[in-house]
């Protein structure tokens, strides 16, 4: 299953075009800052395996007012490069490739 085009953004990383999307409304656990923000990336022309990135910060629209930085295109580009280095093949169909960068995330109490 591919990314929904509506709300996705285009990004070029090392000459390859991708689309990425951050969920606008947080999930219940993200809203309470119990789990970190995630975003998804796929190849724009030949979508295959989707990259799902778990960040180390809360969702910017969390409900408890916990401070959070927005996900920037530079963050997405860095995640794509790291995932490619770790074996993600974006044009080959298959299961989602999960990249967990949440090592220093602390859930709210």
C-alpha atoms as a PDB file:
ATOM      1  CA  UNK A   1       0.000   0.000   0.000  1.00  0.00           C
ATOM      2  CA  UNK A   2       1.447   3.350  -1.035  1.00  0.00           C
ATOM      3  CA  UNK A   3       1.338   6.787   0.464  1.00  0.00           C
ATOM      4  CA  UNK A   4      -1.723   8.903  -0.014  1.00  0.00           C
ATOM      5  CA  UNK A   5      -0.797  11.621  -2.510  1.00  0.00           C
ATOM      6  CA  UNK A   6      -2.900  14.242  -0.782  1.00  0.00           C
ATOM      7  CA  UNK A   7      -0.786  15.875   1.882  1.00  0.00           C
ATOM      8  CA  UNK A   8       2.467  14.287   0.749  1.00  0.00           C
ATOM      9  CA  UNK A   9       5.487  16.424  -0.087  1.00  0.00           C
ATOM     10  CA  UNK A  10       8.092  15.962  -2.776  1.00  0.00           C
ATOM     11  CA  UNK A  11      11.772  15.777  -1.890  1.00  0.00           C
ATOM     12  CA  UNK A  12      14.874  15.096  -3.969  1.00  0.00           C
ATOM     13  CA  UNK A  13      17.649  13.172  -2.209  1.00  0.00           C
ATOM     14  CA  UNK A  14      20.877  12.557  -4.131  1.00  0.00           C
ATOM     15  CA  UNK A  15      19.085  12.946  -7.467  1.00  0.00           C
ATOM     16  CA  UNK A  16      16.185  10.586  -6.647  1.00  0.00           C
ATOM     17  CA  UNK A  17      12.650  11.915  -6.188  1.00  0.00           C
ATOM     18  CA  UNK A  18      10.646  10.741  -3.167  1.00  0.00           C
ATOM     19  CA  UNK A  19       7.351  11.643  -1.552  1.00  0.00           C
ATOM     20  CA  UNK A  20       7.005  11.893   2.203  1.00  0.00           C
ATOM     21  CA  UNK A  21       4.133  12.438   4.555  1.00  0.00           C
ATOM     22  CA  UNK A  22       3.716  13.233   8.205  1.00  0.00           C
ATOM     23  CA  UNK A  23       0.385  12.434   9.779  1.00  0.00           C
ATOM     24  CA  UNK A  24      -1.338  15.775  10.416  1.00  0.00           C
ATOM     25  CA  UNK A  25      -3.293  14.652  13.438  1.00  0.00           C
ATOM     26  CA  UNK A  26      -1.471  12.607  16.044  1.00  0.00           C
ATOM     27  CA  UNK A  27      -2.535   9.100  16.970  1.00  0.00           C
ATOM     28  CA  UNK A  28      -3.932   8.690  20.492  1.00  0.00           C
ATOM     29  CA  UNK A  29      -0.537   7.673  21.883  1.00  0.00           C
ATOM     30  CA  UNK A  30       1.233  10.473  20.008  1.00  0.00           C
ATOM     31  CA  UNK A  31      -1.362  12.962  21.242  1.00  0.00           C
ATOM     32  CA  UNK A  32      -0.509  12.069  24.818  1.00  0.00           C
ATOM     33  CA  UNK A  33       3.224  12.065  23.945  1.00  0.00           C
ATOM     34  CA  UNK A  34       3.483   8.414  24.956  1.00  0.00           C
ATOM     35  CA  UNK A  35       4.965   7.506  21.564  1.00  0.00           C
ATOM     36  CA  UNK A  36       7.138   9.534  19.184  1.00  0.00           C
ATOM     37  CA  UNK A  37       6.273  11.153  15.895  1.00  0.00           C
ATOM     38  CA  UNK A  38       6.581   9.057  12.722  1.00  0.00           C
ATOM     39  CA  UNK A  39       6.642   9.829   9.018  1.00  0.00           C
ATOM     40  CA  UNK A  40       6.610   7.757   5.838  1.00  0.00           C
ATOM     41  CA  UNK A  41       8.652   8.020   2.630  1.00  0.00           C
ATOM     42  CA  UNK A  42       8.365   6.289  -0.742  1.00  0.00           C
ATOM     43  CA  UNK A  43       9.930   6.571  -4.186  1.00  0.00           C
ATOM     44  CA  UNK A  44       7.864   9.030  -6.232  1.00  0.00           C
ATOM     45  CA  UNK A  45       7.926   7.283  -9.625  1.00  0.00           C
ATOM     46  CA  UNK A  46       8.190   3.600  -8.722  1.00  0.00           C
ATOM     47  CA  UNK A  47       6.741   3.106  -5.244  1.00  0.00           C
ATOM     48  CA  UNK A  48       7.786  -0.205  -3.744  1.00  0.00           C
ATOM     49  CA  UNK A  49       8.706  -0.626  -0.104  1.00  0.00           C
ATOM     50  CA  UNK A  50       7.659   2.265   2.128  1.00  0.00           C
ATOM     51  CA  UNK A  51      10.111   3.683   4.642  1.00  0.00           C
ATOM     52  CA  UNK A  52       8.547   4.321   8.061  1.00  0.00           C
ATOM     53  CA  UNK A  53      10.708   6.531  10.279  1.00  0.00           C
ATOM     54  CA  UNK A  54      10.176   6.811  14.030  1.00  0.00           C
ATOM     55  CA  UNK A  55      11.700  10.053  15.302  1.00  0.00           C
ATOM     56  CA  UNK A  56      13.010  10.875  18.772  1.00  0.00           C
ATOM     57  CA  UNK A  57      10.510  13.651  19.438  1.00  0.00           C
ATOM     58  CA  UNK A  58       6.816  14.029  20.197  1.00  0.00           C
ATOM     59  CA  UNK A  59       4.289  14.956  17.520  1.00  0.00           C
ATOM     60  CA  UNK A  60       4.075  18.737  17.141  1.00  0.00           C
ATOM     61  CA  UNK A  61       0.294  18.590  17.613  1.00  0.00           C
ATOM     62  CA  UNK A  62       0.386  16.631  20.867  1.00  0.00           C
ATOM     63  CA  UNK A  63      -2.449  17.420  23.262  1.00  0.00           C
ATOM     64  CA  UNK A  64      -0.459  18.032  26.421  1.00  0.00           C
ATOM     65  CA  UNK A  65       1.609  20.938  25.144  1.00  0.00           C
ATOM     66  CA  UNK A  66       4.906  19.100  25.139  1.00  0.00           C
ATOM     67  CA  UNK A  67       7.481  21.058  23.168  1.00  0.00           C
ATOM     68  CA  UNK A  68       8.431  19.499  19.828  1.00  0.00           C
ATOM     69  CA  UNK A  69      10.450  20.479  16.797  1.00  0.00           C
ATOM     70  CA  UNK A  70       8.838  20.079  13.357  1.00  0.00           C
ATOM     71  CA  UNK A  71      10.103  17.424  10.959  1.00  0.00           C
ATOM     72  CA  UNK A  72      12.158  19.302   8.371  1.00  0.00           C
ATOM     73  CA  UNK A  73      13.002  18.230   4.825  1.00  0.00           C
ATOM     74  CA  UNK A  74      16.641  17.967   5.954  1.00  0.00           C
ATOM     75  CA  UNK A  75      15.522  15.411   8.581  1.00  0.00           C
ATOM     76  CA  UNK A  76      13.705  13.431   5.903  1.00  0.00           C
ATOM     77  CA  UNK A  77      16.729  13.512   3.578  1.00  0.00           C
ATOM     78  CA  UNK A  78      19.018  12.307   6.368  1.00  0.00           C
ATOM     79  CA  UNK A  79      16.621   9.462   7.204  1.00  0.00           C
ATOM     80  CA  UNK A  80      16.410   8.420   3.544  1.00  0.00           C
ATOM     81  CA  UNK A  81      20.207   8.339   3.244  1.00  0.00           C
ATOM     82  CA  UNK A  82      20.524   6.289   6.439  1.00  0.00           C
ATOM     83  CA  UNK A  83      17.793   3.855   5.380  1.00  0.00           C
ATOM     84  CA  UNK A  84      19.416   3.371   1.967  1.00  0.00           C
ATOM     85  CA  UNK A  85      22.725   2.686   3.718  1.00  0.00           C
ATOM     86  CA  UNK A  86      20.981   0.130   5.958  1.00  0.00           C
ATOM     87  CA  UNK A  87      19.451  -1.723   3.007  1.00  0.00           C
ATOM     88  CA  UNK A  88      16.149  -0.071   2.112  1.00  0.00           C
ATOM     89  CA  UNK A  89      15.330  -0.604  -1.568  1.00  0.00           C
ATOM     90  CA  UNK A  90      12.541   1.875  -2.304  1.00  0.00           C
ATOM     91  CA  UNK A  91      11.648   0.612  -5.790  1.00  0.00           C
ATOM     92  CA  UNK A  92      11.333  -3.076  -4.874  1.00  0.00           C
ATOM     93  CA  UNK A  93       7.893  -4.171  -3.633  1.00  0.00           C
ATOM     94  CA  UNK A  94       7.880  -5.601  -0.151  1.00  0.00           C
ATOM     95  CA  UNK A  95       7.051  -4.918   3.459  1.00  0.00           C
ATOM     96  CA  UNK A  96       7.632  -1.538   5.023  1.00  0.00           C
ATOM     97  CA  UNK A  97      11.200  -0.767   6.061  1.00  0.00           C
ATOM     98  CA  UNK A  98      11.246   0.563   9.626  1.00  0.00           C
ATOM     99  CA  UNK A  99      13.940   3.001  10.707  1.00  0.00           C
ATOM    100  CA  UNK A 100      13.837   3.614  14.453  1.00  0.00           C
ATOM    101  CA  UNK A 101      15.565   6.831  15.510  1.00  0.00           C
ATOM    102  CA  UNK A 102      13.695   7.088  18.815  1.00  0.00           C
ATOM    103  CA  UNK A 103      16.578   6.071  21.069  1.00  0.00           C
ATOM    104  CA  UNK A 104      16.434   9.169  23.276  1.00  0.00           C
ATOM    105  CA  UNK A 105      12.629   9.650  23.266  1.00  0.00           C
ATOM    106  CA  UNK A 106      11.131   9.900  26.749  1.00  0.00           C
ATOM    107  CA  UNK A 107       7.375   9.266  26.955  1.00  0.00           C
ATOM    108  CA  UNK A 108       5.242  11.636  29.009  1.00  0.00           C
ATOM    109  CA  UNK A 109       3.946  10.397  32.333  1.00  0.00           C
END
